[in-house]
Protein backbone atom coordinates (compact mmCIF):
# COMPACT_ATOMS: atom_id res chain seq x y z
CA MET A 1 -9.53 21.99 3.14
CA SER A 2 -11.30 19.50 5.35
CA SER A 3 -14.91 19.72 6.40
CA THR A 4 -16.22 18.97 9.87
CA PRO A 5 -18.50 15.93 10.23
CA ASP A 6 -22.00 16.88 11.32
CA ASN A 7 -22.78 13.45 12.76
CA SER A 8 -20.46 13.45 15.76
CA PRO A 9 -19.56 9.94 16.97
CA PRO A 10 -20.52 8.80 20.46
CA GLY A 11 -18.19 9.79 23.28
CA ARG A 12 -16.19 6.55 23.14
CA PRO A 13 -13.64 5.08 20.73
CA LEU A 14 -15.14 3.38 17.69
CA ARG A 15 -13.79 0.11 16.35
CA PRO A 16 -12.30 -0.15 12.84
CA ALA A 17 -15.31 -1.77 11.16
CA THR A 18 -17.54 1.02 12.46
CA LEU A 19 -15.10 3.74 11.41
CA LEU A 20 -15.01 2.28 7.90
CA VAL A 21 -18.77 2.78 7.60
CA ARG A 22 -19.32 5.95 9.63
CA GLY A 23 -16.03 7.79 10.02
CA GLY A 24 -15.78 11.29 8.61
CA THR A 25 -19.27 11.35 7.13
CA THR A 26 -20.47 14.87 6.33
CA ARG A 27 -24.08 15.27 5.22
CA SER A 28 -25.45 18.08 3.13
CA GLY A 29 -28.68 19.87 3.92
CA HIS A 30 -30.54 17.10 2.10
CA GLY A 31 -29.69 14.56 4.81
CA GLU A 32 -28.57 11.81 2.44
CA THR A 33 -27.69 8.37 3.87
CA ALA A 34 -24.92 7.53 1.42
CA GLU A 35 -21.95 9.86 1.15
CA ALA A 36 -22.66 12.64 -1.32
CA LEU A 37 -20.70 12.77 -4.57
CA PHE A 38 -19.62 16.34 -5.32
CA LEU A 39 -18.67 16.28 -8.99
CA THR A 40 -17.60 19.89 -9.24
CA SER A 41 -14.35 21.54 -10.21
CA GLY A 42 -15.00 24.84 -8.44
CA PHE A 43 -17.03 26.45 -5.66
CA VAL A 44 -18.83 29.79 -5.43
CA TYR A 45 -18.54 32.46 -2.75
CA ASP A 46 -21.18 34.57 -1.09
CA SER A 47 -19.11 37.67 -1.73
CA ALA A 48 -15.81 38.92 -3.08
CA ALA A 49 -14.73 39.44 0.52
CA GLN A 50 -15.36 35.78 1.29
CA ALA A 51 -13.28 34.76 -1.74
CA GLU A 52 -10.46 37.00 -0.53
CA ALA A 53 -10.63 35.57 2.99
CA THR A 54 -10.66 32.01 1.64
CA PHE A 55 -7.54 32.56 -0.43
CA ALA A 56 -5.88 34.37 2.47
CA GLY A 57 -6.62 31.39 4.72
CA THR A 58 -8.63 33.35 7.26
CA GLU A 59 -11.90 31.60 6.33
CA ARG A 60 -12.46 27.90 5.68
CA HIS A 61 -14.30 27.36 2.43
CA PHE A 62 -13.74 25.00 -0.48
CA GLN A 63 -11.93 26.78 -3.32
CA TYR A 64 -11.19 24.33 -6.10
CA SER A 65 -11.29 20.53 -6.28
CA ARG A 66 -7.56 20.36 -6.96
CA PHE A 67 -7.07 21.79 -3.44
CA GLY A 68 -9.96 20.05 -1.68
CA ASN A 69 -13.41 18.61 -2.30
CA PRO A 70 -16.15 17.54 0.15
CA THR A 71 -16.24 13.93 -1.07
CA VAL A 72 -12.46 13.65 -1.03
CA SER A 73 -12.36 15.24 2.43
CA MET A 74 -14.73 12.60 3.79
CA LEU A 75 -12.37 9.91 2.53
CA GLU A 76 -9.36 11.70 4.05
CA GLN A 77 -11.07 11.93 7.44
CA ARG A 78 -12.17 8.30 7.36
CA LEU A 79 -8.69 7.02 6.56
CA ALA A 80 -7.10 9.28 9.19
CA LEU A 81 -9.47 7.91 11.84
CA LEU A 82 -8.76 4.34 10.78
CA GLU A 83 -4.98 4.82 10.66
CA GLY A 84 -4.81 6.83 13.88
CA ALA A 85 -3.20 9.71 11.96
CA GLU A 86 -3.68 13.40 12.57
CA ALA A 87 -4.20 14.17 8.88
CA CYS A 88 -4.52 12.59 5.45
CA ARG A 89 -4.30 13.80 1.86
CA MET A 90 -5.54 11.84 -1.13
CA THR A 91 -3.73 11.56 -4.45
CA ALA A 92 -4.62 10.30 -7.92
CA SER A 93 -2.76 6.99 -7.49
CA GLY A 94 -0.58 5.09 -5.07
CA MET A 95 2.55 6.12 -6.94
CA ALA A 96 1.46 9.76 -6.76
CA ALA A 97 1.24 9.27 -2.99
CA VAL A 98 4.79 7.88 -2.78
CA HIS A 99 6.14 10.60 -5.08
CA ALA A 100 4.39 13.41 -3.17
CA ALA A 101 5.46 12.10 0.24
CA MET A 102 9.10 12.02 -0.85
CA LEU A 103 9.50 15.03 -3.14
CA SER A 104 7.54 17.36 -0.86
CA HIS A 105 10.05 16.65 1.91
CA LEU A 106 13.35 16.37 0.04
CA LYS A 107 15.73 18.91 -1.47
CA THR A 108 19.06 18.90 -3.28
CA GLY A 109 21.84 17.65 -1.02
CA ASP A 110 19.56 15.40 1.04
CA ARG A 111 20.15 11.70 1.49
CA VAL A 112 17.62 8.86 1.35
CA VAL A 113 18.01 5.34 2.71
CA ALA A 114 15.57 2.78 1.33
CA SER A 115 14.85 -0.88 1.66
CA ARG A 116 15.97 -2.69 -1.49
CA ALA A 117 12.67 -4.58 -1.56
CA LEU A 118 10.46 -1.96 -3.19
CA PHE A 119 7.79 -2.05 -5.88
CA GLY A 120 9.41 -1.44 -9.25
CA SER A 121 8.20 2.17 -9.68
CA CYS A 122 9.21 3.06 -6.10
CA HIS A 123 12.65 1.58 -6.79
CA TRP A 124 12.89 3.78 -9.91
CA ILE A 125 12.10 6.95 -7.94
CA VAL A 126 14.88 6.18 -5.45
CA SER A 127 17.47 4.81 -7.87
CA THR A 128 16.87 7.01 -10.92
CA LEU A 129 14.72 10.09 -10.23
CA LEU A 130 16.16 11.34 -6.94
CA PRO A 131 19.80 11.44 -8.12
CA ARG A 132 18.70 13.69 -11.01
CA TYR A 133 17.80 16.29 -8.39
CA GLY A 134 21.03 15.89 -6.46
CA ILE A 135 19.51 13.66 -3.78
CA ALA A 136 21.74 10.76 -2.72
CA ALA A 137 20.16 7.33 -2.35
CA GLU A 138 21.35 4.17 -0.65
CA PHE A 139 19.66 0.77 -0.65
CA VAL A 140 19.86 -1.76 2.17
CA ASP A 141 18.46 -5.24 2.72
CA GLY A 142 15.33 -4.44 4.71
CA GLY A 143 15.56 -7.45 6.99
CA ASP A 144 19.18 -6.78 7.97
CA LEU A 145 19.35 -4.39 10.93
CA GLY A 146 23.12 -4.27 10.60
CA GLN A 147 22.80 -2.71 7.15
CA TRP A 148 20.24 -0.20 8.43
CA ARG A 149 22.55 0.65 11.31
CA ALA A 150 25.51 1.23 8.98
CA ALA A 151 23.51 3.28 6.46
CA LEU A 152 21.95 5.44 9.17
CA ALA A 153 25.20 6.11 11.00
CA ARG A 154 25.35 9.22 8.80
CA PRO A 155 22.66 11.93 8.56
CA ALA A 156 19.68 11.21 6.32
CA ALA A 157 16.50 13.08 5.45
CA LEU A 158 14.12 10.23 4.67
CA VAL A 159 13.78 6.45 4.96
CA LEU A 160 11.46 4.57 2.60
CA LEU A 161 10.37 0.97 3.08
CA GLU A 162 7.63 -1.57 2.42
CA THR A 163 6.64 -4.21 4.93
CA PRO A 164 5.57 -6.79 3.89
CA SER A 165 7.47 -6.12 0.68
CA ASN A 166 6.38 -6.63 -2.90
CA PRO A 167 6.62 -9.41 -3.99
CA MET A 168 8.77 -11.45 -1.57
CA LEU A 169 6.85 -10.54 1.59
CA GLU A 170 9.96 -9.47 3.48
CA ILE A 171 9.27 -7.97 6.92
CA VAL A 172 11.13 -4.91 8.23
CA ASP A 173 11.48 -4.37 11.99
CA LEU A 174 9.61 -1.06 12.11
CA PRO A 175 10.38 0.07 15.70
CA ALA A 176 14.09 -0.67 15.33
CA VAL A 177 14.46 1.02 11.93
CA ALA A 178 12.39 4.02 13.04
CA ALA A 179 14.66 4.55 16.05
CA LEU A 180 17.77 4.42 13.86
CA ALA A 181 16.22 6.75 11.29
CA HIS A 182 15.15 9.35 13.83
CA ALA A 183 18.61 9.35 15.37
CA ALA A 184 19.96 10.13 11.87
CA GLY A 185 17.48 12.98 11.43
CA ALA A 186 15.23 11.18 8.94
CA ILE A 187 11.49 10.79 8.69
CA VAL A 188 10.23 7.27 8.06
CA VAL A 189 7.82 6.69 5.16
CA VAL A 190 6.15 3.26 5.13
CA ASP A 191 4.25 1.79 2.21
CA ASN A 192 1.66 -0.27 4.10
CA VAL A 193 -0.37 -1.43 1.11
CA PHE A 194 0.10 -5.19 1.60
CA ALA A 195 -0.92 -5.10 5.27
CA THR A 196 -3.63 -2.39 5.06
CA PRO A 197 -4.48 -0.32 8.16
CA LEU A 198 -6.43 -3.28 9.55
CA LEU A 199 -3.43 -5.59 9.89
CA GLN A 200 -0.61 -3.17 10.71
CA LYS A 201 -0.30 0.32 12.22
CA PRO A 202 3.09 1.77 11.24
CA LEU A 203 2.51 5.08 13.05
CA GLU A 204 2.21 3.18 16.33
CA MET A 205 5.61 1.60 15.67
CA GLY A 206 7.53 4.80 15.00
CA ALA A 207 6.76 5.66 11.36
CA ASP A 208 6.14 9.31 10.53
CA VAL A 209 4.28 8.92 7.23
CA VAL A 210 2.20 6.08 5.80
CA VAL A 211 1.34 5.77 2.11
CA TYR A 212 -1.24 3.60 0.35
CA SER A 213 -2.38 2.64 -3.07
CA CYS A 214 -6.13 2.74 -2.43
CA THR A 215 -6.46 1.01 -5.80
CA LYS A 216 -5.73 -2.23 -3.95
CA HIS A 217 -7.72 -3.53 -0.96
CA MET A 218 -9.51 -0.25 -0.19
CA ASP A 219 -11.35 -0.08 -3.49
CA GLY A 220 -10.91 -3.81 -3.70
CA GLN A 221 -12.92 -4.32 -6.86
CA GLY A 222 -10.50 -3.29 -9.58
CA ARG A 223 -12.41 -0.12 -10.46
CA VAL A 224 -10.42 3.02 -9.75
CA LEU A 225 -6.99 4.43 -8.96
CA GLY A 226 -6.27 6.35 -5.78
CA GLY A 227 -3.56 7.03 -3.21
CA ALA A 228 -3.28 8.31 0.35
CA VAL A 229 -0.58 9.96 2.46
CA LEU A 230 -1.07 10.08 6.24
CA GLY A 231 0.95 11.68 9.02
CA ARG A 232 1.12 14.49 11.54
CA ALA A 233 -1.05 17.53 10.84
CA LYS A 234 1.87 19.97 10.89
CA TRP A 235 3.82 18.00 8.28
CA VAL A 236 0.75 17.39 6.13
CA ASP A 237 -0.36 21.04 6.22
CA GLU A 238 3.02 22.72 5.90
CA VAL A 239 5.05 20.28 3.77
CA LEU A 240 2.74 17.96 1.85
CA GLN A 241 -0.30 20.15 1.11
CA PRO A 242 1.61 22.94 -0.69
CA PHE A 243 3.23 20.31 -2.92
CA ILE A 244 -0.10 18.64 -3.74
CA ARG A 245 -1.88 21.96 -4.22
CA ASN A 246 0.68 23.31 -6.65
CA THR A 247 1.65 20.17 -8.56
CA GLY A 248 -1.88 18.79 -8.92
CA PRO A 249 -1.90 15.00 -8.26
CA SER A 250 -5.49 15.34 -7.01
CA LEU A 251 -7.96 12.49 -6.62
CA SER A 252 -11.18 12.57 -8.63
CA PRO A 253 -14.27 12.98 -6.38
CA PHE A 254 -15.85 10.05 -8.22
CA ASN A 255 -12.87 7.82 -7.41
CA ALA A 256 -12.98 9.03 -3.80
CA TRP A 257 -16.66 8.12 -3.60
CA LEU A 258 -16.03 4.61 -4.91
CA ILE A 259 -13.18 4.09 -2.44
CA LEU A 260 -15.43 5.32 0.38
CA LYS A 261 -17.98 2.68 -0.57
CA GLY A 262 -15.23 0.06 -0.84
CA LEU A 263 -14.02 0.81 2.67
CA GLU A 264 -17.39 -0.20 4.11
CA THR A 265 -16.75 -3.85 3.27
CA LEU A 266 -12.96 -3.88 3.75
CA PRO A 267 -12.97 -5.90 7.03
CA LEU A 268 -15.28 -8.55 5.59
CA ARG A 269 -13.29 -8.86 2.39
CA LEU A 270 -9.87 -8.79 4.02
CA ASN A 271 -10.75 -11.40 6.64
CA ALA A 272 -11.95 -13.80 3.95
CA MET A 273 -8.96 -13.11 1.68
CA CYS A 274 -6.44 -13.63 4.50
CA ALA A 275 -8.08 -16.89 5.54
CA GLY A 276 -7.98 -18.09 1.95
CA ALA A 277 -4.35 -17.03 1.51
CA ALA A 278 -3.26 -18.90 4.65
CA GLU A 279 -5.03 -22.08 3.53
CA ILE A 280 -3.60 -21.85 0.01
CA ALA A 281 -0.07 -21.23 1.34
CA ASP A 282 -0.28 -24.38 3.46
CA TRP A 283 -1.61 -26.38 0.50
CA MET A 284 1.06 -24.99 -1.86
CA ALA A 285 3.78 -26.20 0.50
CA THR A 286 2.65 -29.80 -0.12
CA ARG A 287 3.08 -29.62 -3.90
CA PRO A 288 6.28 -31.10 -5.40
CA GLU A 289 6.33 -28.48 -8.18
CA VAL A 290 6.73 -25.69 -5.61
CA SER A 291 10.26 -25.18 -4.29
CA ARG A 292 9.44 -22.35 -1.87
CA VAL A 293 6.32 -20.78 -0.33
CA LEU A 294 6.36 -17.39 1.38
CA TYR A 295 3.51 -16.31 3.64
CA PRO A 296 4.17 -14.10 6.69
CA HIS A 297 2.26 -16.20 9.21
CA ARG A 298 3.70 -19.58 8.18
CA ALA A 299 6.25 -20.95 10.62
CA ASP A 300 8.78 -21.38 7.81
CA HIS A 301 8.73 -17.72 6.81
CA PRO A 302 12.23 -16.34 7.57
CA GLN A 303 10.73 -13.60 9.77
CA ALA A 304 7.60 -15.32 11.04
CA ALA A 305 7.98 -14.12 14.64
CA LEU A 306 8.45 -10.50 13.55
CA ALA A 307 5.52 -10.77 11.15
CA ARG A 308 3.23 -12.01 13.91
CA ARG A 309 4.42 -9.25 16.21
CA GLN A 310 3.77 -6.46 13.71
CA MET A 311 0.71 -8.05 12.03
CA PRO A 312 -0.90 -10.05 14.82
CA GLU A 313 -4.33 -10.45 13.22
CA ALA A 314 -3.38 -12.14 9.95
CA GLY A 315 -0.61 -12.60 7.42
CA GLY A 316 -2.27 -10.75 4.55
CA SER A 317 -3.91 -11.70 1.26
CA LEU A 318 -0.73 -12.34 -0.78
CA VAL A 319 1.15 -15.61 -1.23
CA THR A 320 4.45 -15.80 -3.10
CA PHE A 321 5.92 -19.07 -4.31
CA ASP A 322 8.64 -20.42 -6.59
CA LEU A 323 8.17 -23.07 -9.23
CA ALA A 324 11.15 -25.37 -9.56
CA GLY A 325 10.97 -25.28 -13.35
CA GLY A 326 11.83 -21.56 -13.67
CA LYS A 327 10.29 -19.19 -16.22
CA ALA A 328 9.04 -21.89 -18.57
CA ALA A 329 7.18 -23.65 -15.78
CA ALA A 330 5.89 -20.33 -14.42
CA PHE A 331 4.48 -19.36 -17.82
CA ARG A 332 2.91 -22.79 -18.31
CA PHE A 333 1.35 -22.49 -14.86
CA CYS A 334 -0.08 -19.01 -15.48
CA ASP A 335 -1.41 -19.92 -18.91
CA ALA A 336 -3.11 -23.06 -17.55
CA LEU A 337 -5.16 -21.16 -14.95
CA ARG A 338 -8.84 -21.04 -15.86
CA LEU A 339 -10.36 -19.26 -12.86
CA ILE A 340 -7.53 -17.07 -11.59
CA ASP A 341 -6.56 -14.18 -13.88
CA ILE A 342 -3.10 -12.99 -14.91
CA SER A 343 -2.85 -9.38 -13.74
CA ASN A 344 -0.33 -7.16 -11.98
CA ASN A 345 -3.01 -5.70 -9.70
CA LEU A 346 -3.63 -7.07 -6.18
CA GLY A 347 -6.05 -6.78 -3.29
CA ASP A 348 -8.95 -7.39 -5.68
CA SER A 349 -12.08 -9.44 -5.06
CA LYS A 350 -10.89 -11.59 -7.97
CA SER A 351 -7.80 -13.76 -7.44
CA LEU A 352 -4.86 -12.67 -9.58
CA VAL A 353 -1.36 -13.93 -10.37
CA THR A 354 1.65 -12.18 -11.82
CA HIS A 355 5.19 -13.16 -12.76
CA PRO A 356 7.27 -10.39 -11.11
CA ALA A 357 10.46 -10.97 -13.10
CA THR A 358 8.67 -10.09 -16.35
CA THR A 359 6.10 -7.58 -15.03
CA THR A 360 6.25 -5.52 -11.83
CA HIS A 361 10.01 -5.93 -11.29
CA MET A 362 11.20 -6.35 -14.86
CA ARG A 363 12.88 -2.94 -15.10
CA ILE A 364 15.01 -3.19 -11.97
CA GLY A 365 17.21 -5.72 -13.76
CA ALA A 366 18.28 -9.32 -13.13
CA GLU A 367 21.06 -8.40 -10.69
CA GLU A 368 18.73 -6.43 -8.42
CA ARG A 369 16.06 -9.13 -8.66
CA ALA A 370 18.61 -11.70 -7.53
CA LYS A 371 19.40 -9.59 -4.47
CA LEU A 372 15.69 -9.56 -3.64
CA GLY A 373 15.34 -13.32 -4.11
CA ILE A 374 13.04 -12.95 -7.13
CA THR A 375 13.73 -15.90 -9.44
CA ASP A 376 12.43 -16.70 -12.90
CA GLY A 377 10.10 -19.18 -11.20
CA THR A 378 8.61 -16.69 -8.72
CA ILE A 379 4.83 -16.19 -8.81
CA ARG A 380 2.86 -13.68 -6.72
CA LEU A 381 -0.72 -14.70 -5.95
CA SER A 382 -3.30 -12.20 -4.70
CA VAL A 383 -6.11 -14.22 -3.14
CA GLY A 384 -9.62 -12.92 -3.76
CA LEU A 385 -13.09 -13.83 -2.58
CA GLU A 386 -13.80 -16.95 -4.58
CA ASP A 387 -14.44 -20.21 -2.71
CA VAL A 388 -10.99 -21.35 -1.62
CA ARG A 389 -11.79 -24.90 -2.77
CA ASP A 390 -12.32 -23.66 -6.32
CA LEU A 391 -9.07 -21.71 -6.16
CA ILE A 392 -7.15 -24.78 -4.98
CA ASP A 393 -8.73 -26.85 -7.77
CA ASP A 394 -7.59 -24.26 -10.33
CA LEU A 395 -4.10 -23.97 -8.85
CA GLY A 396 -3.75 -27.74 -8.70
CA ALA A 397 -4.71 -28.20 -12.34
CA ALA A 398 -2.29 -25.44 -13.37
CA LEU A 399 0.54 -26.98 -11.35
CA ASP A 400 -0.16 -30.33 -13.04
CA ALA A 401 0.09 -28.57 -16.40
CA ALA A 402 3.32 -26.84 -15.39
CA GLY A 403 5.02 -30.21 -15.00
CA VAL A 404 7.28 -31.59 -12.26
CA PRO A 405 11.00 -31.18 -12.98
CA ALA A 406 12.89 -34.45 -12.77
CA ARG A 407 14.94 -33.41 -9.77
CA ARG A 408 11.75 -32.72 -7.78
CA ALA A 409 9.86 -35.76 -9.00
CA ALA A 410 12.68 -38.01 -7.86
CA GLU A 411 12.58 -36.71 -4.27
């Protein structure tokens, strides 16, 4: 269940930075300033009759932390206010959020259309798990509206996509795909983790459900796992909540509390990270070792105009680039870094790199990676909060160590 905030906001819309500090706050009788942490598995009732009414749904009262918890509810309300969603439910991880959003809605005989450019575990759910339950799945190139149009010419139950995608930062035209999906009878589920709610609002562009790994920018300090599913109240209450209640992917109140505290500084962190990412992307493009740089707000991004339309504030905190020397050069580069860490996480205050072909997208296979444009020289960089000059110094030294292939050096 959700509690009602006792500190009602002023009678005017609040801006995102304010919502991230104040939204959804519910204070106990002690009047605490910081959000209270309710580390409890269960709740007591004033009477047996109240317990009966709570389970019957005629009285609102917390029952069990697998179903709802005051700390978790504060986080749900805050994220719903920020996203502009009617309702939100938290999960134990971002993948639990994707899984719950899909499996709560789908049944045997349904059909799913998904963008090919998905995080490895999301790709596995669509390509491997769903068919086991008799759910058909079809992949399309997310940036190709013709493929979406052809795939959605037949009825479908659900569309899944990421924009920008992991790791190649592909942009999907959300309004156009949403219109096609709705005409086919599908709901649209958007993984918005790279953009965050501050840079992109999928619900305003036709999406029905938005999912997040709160492990990334929302916590932002590499501490805890968490996920969120947001959408219309009717769908959340009648479709999603029974699935979460009965299958148990619940978020720990402690993790919820840490994410709540992380949200307070999200605008400050994200602004600095995006500024650093844009500067690093421009610098990377000058290096002879780098054969390609992808950043949504660079003019040479294949979908730069669409990226600026859907993410007008900034291009995000991720930069993807290819080293001309392939896997050997990529490994030399990663191993030569002294400040930036090798890690498959992202959205952290610490800058991180990963080699997608051998980590996050290893299990989708070489053929599928080729379709996504992931080469053996592809590196994904998550820009953190260090001084950008120190990051560029570290990247430059690592690129020097990676070596310039002869064909690039001769240019």
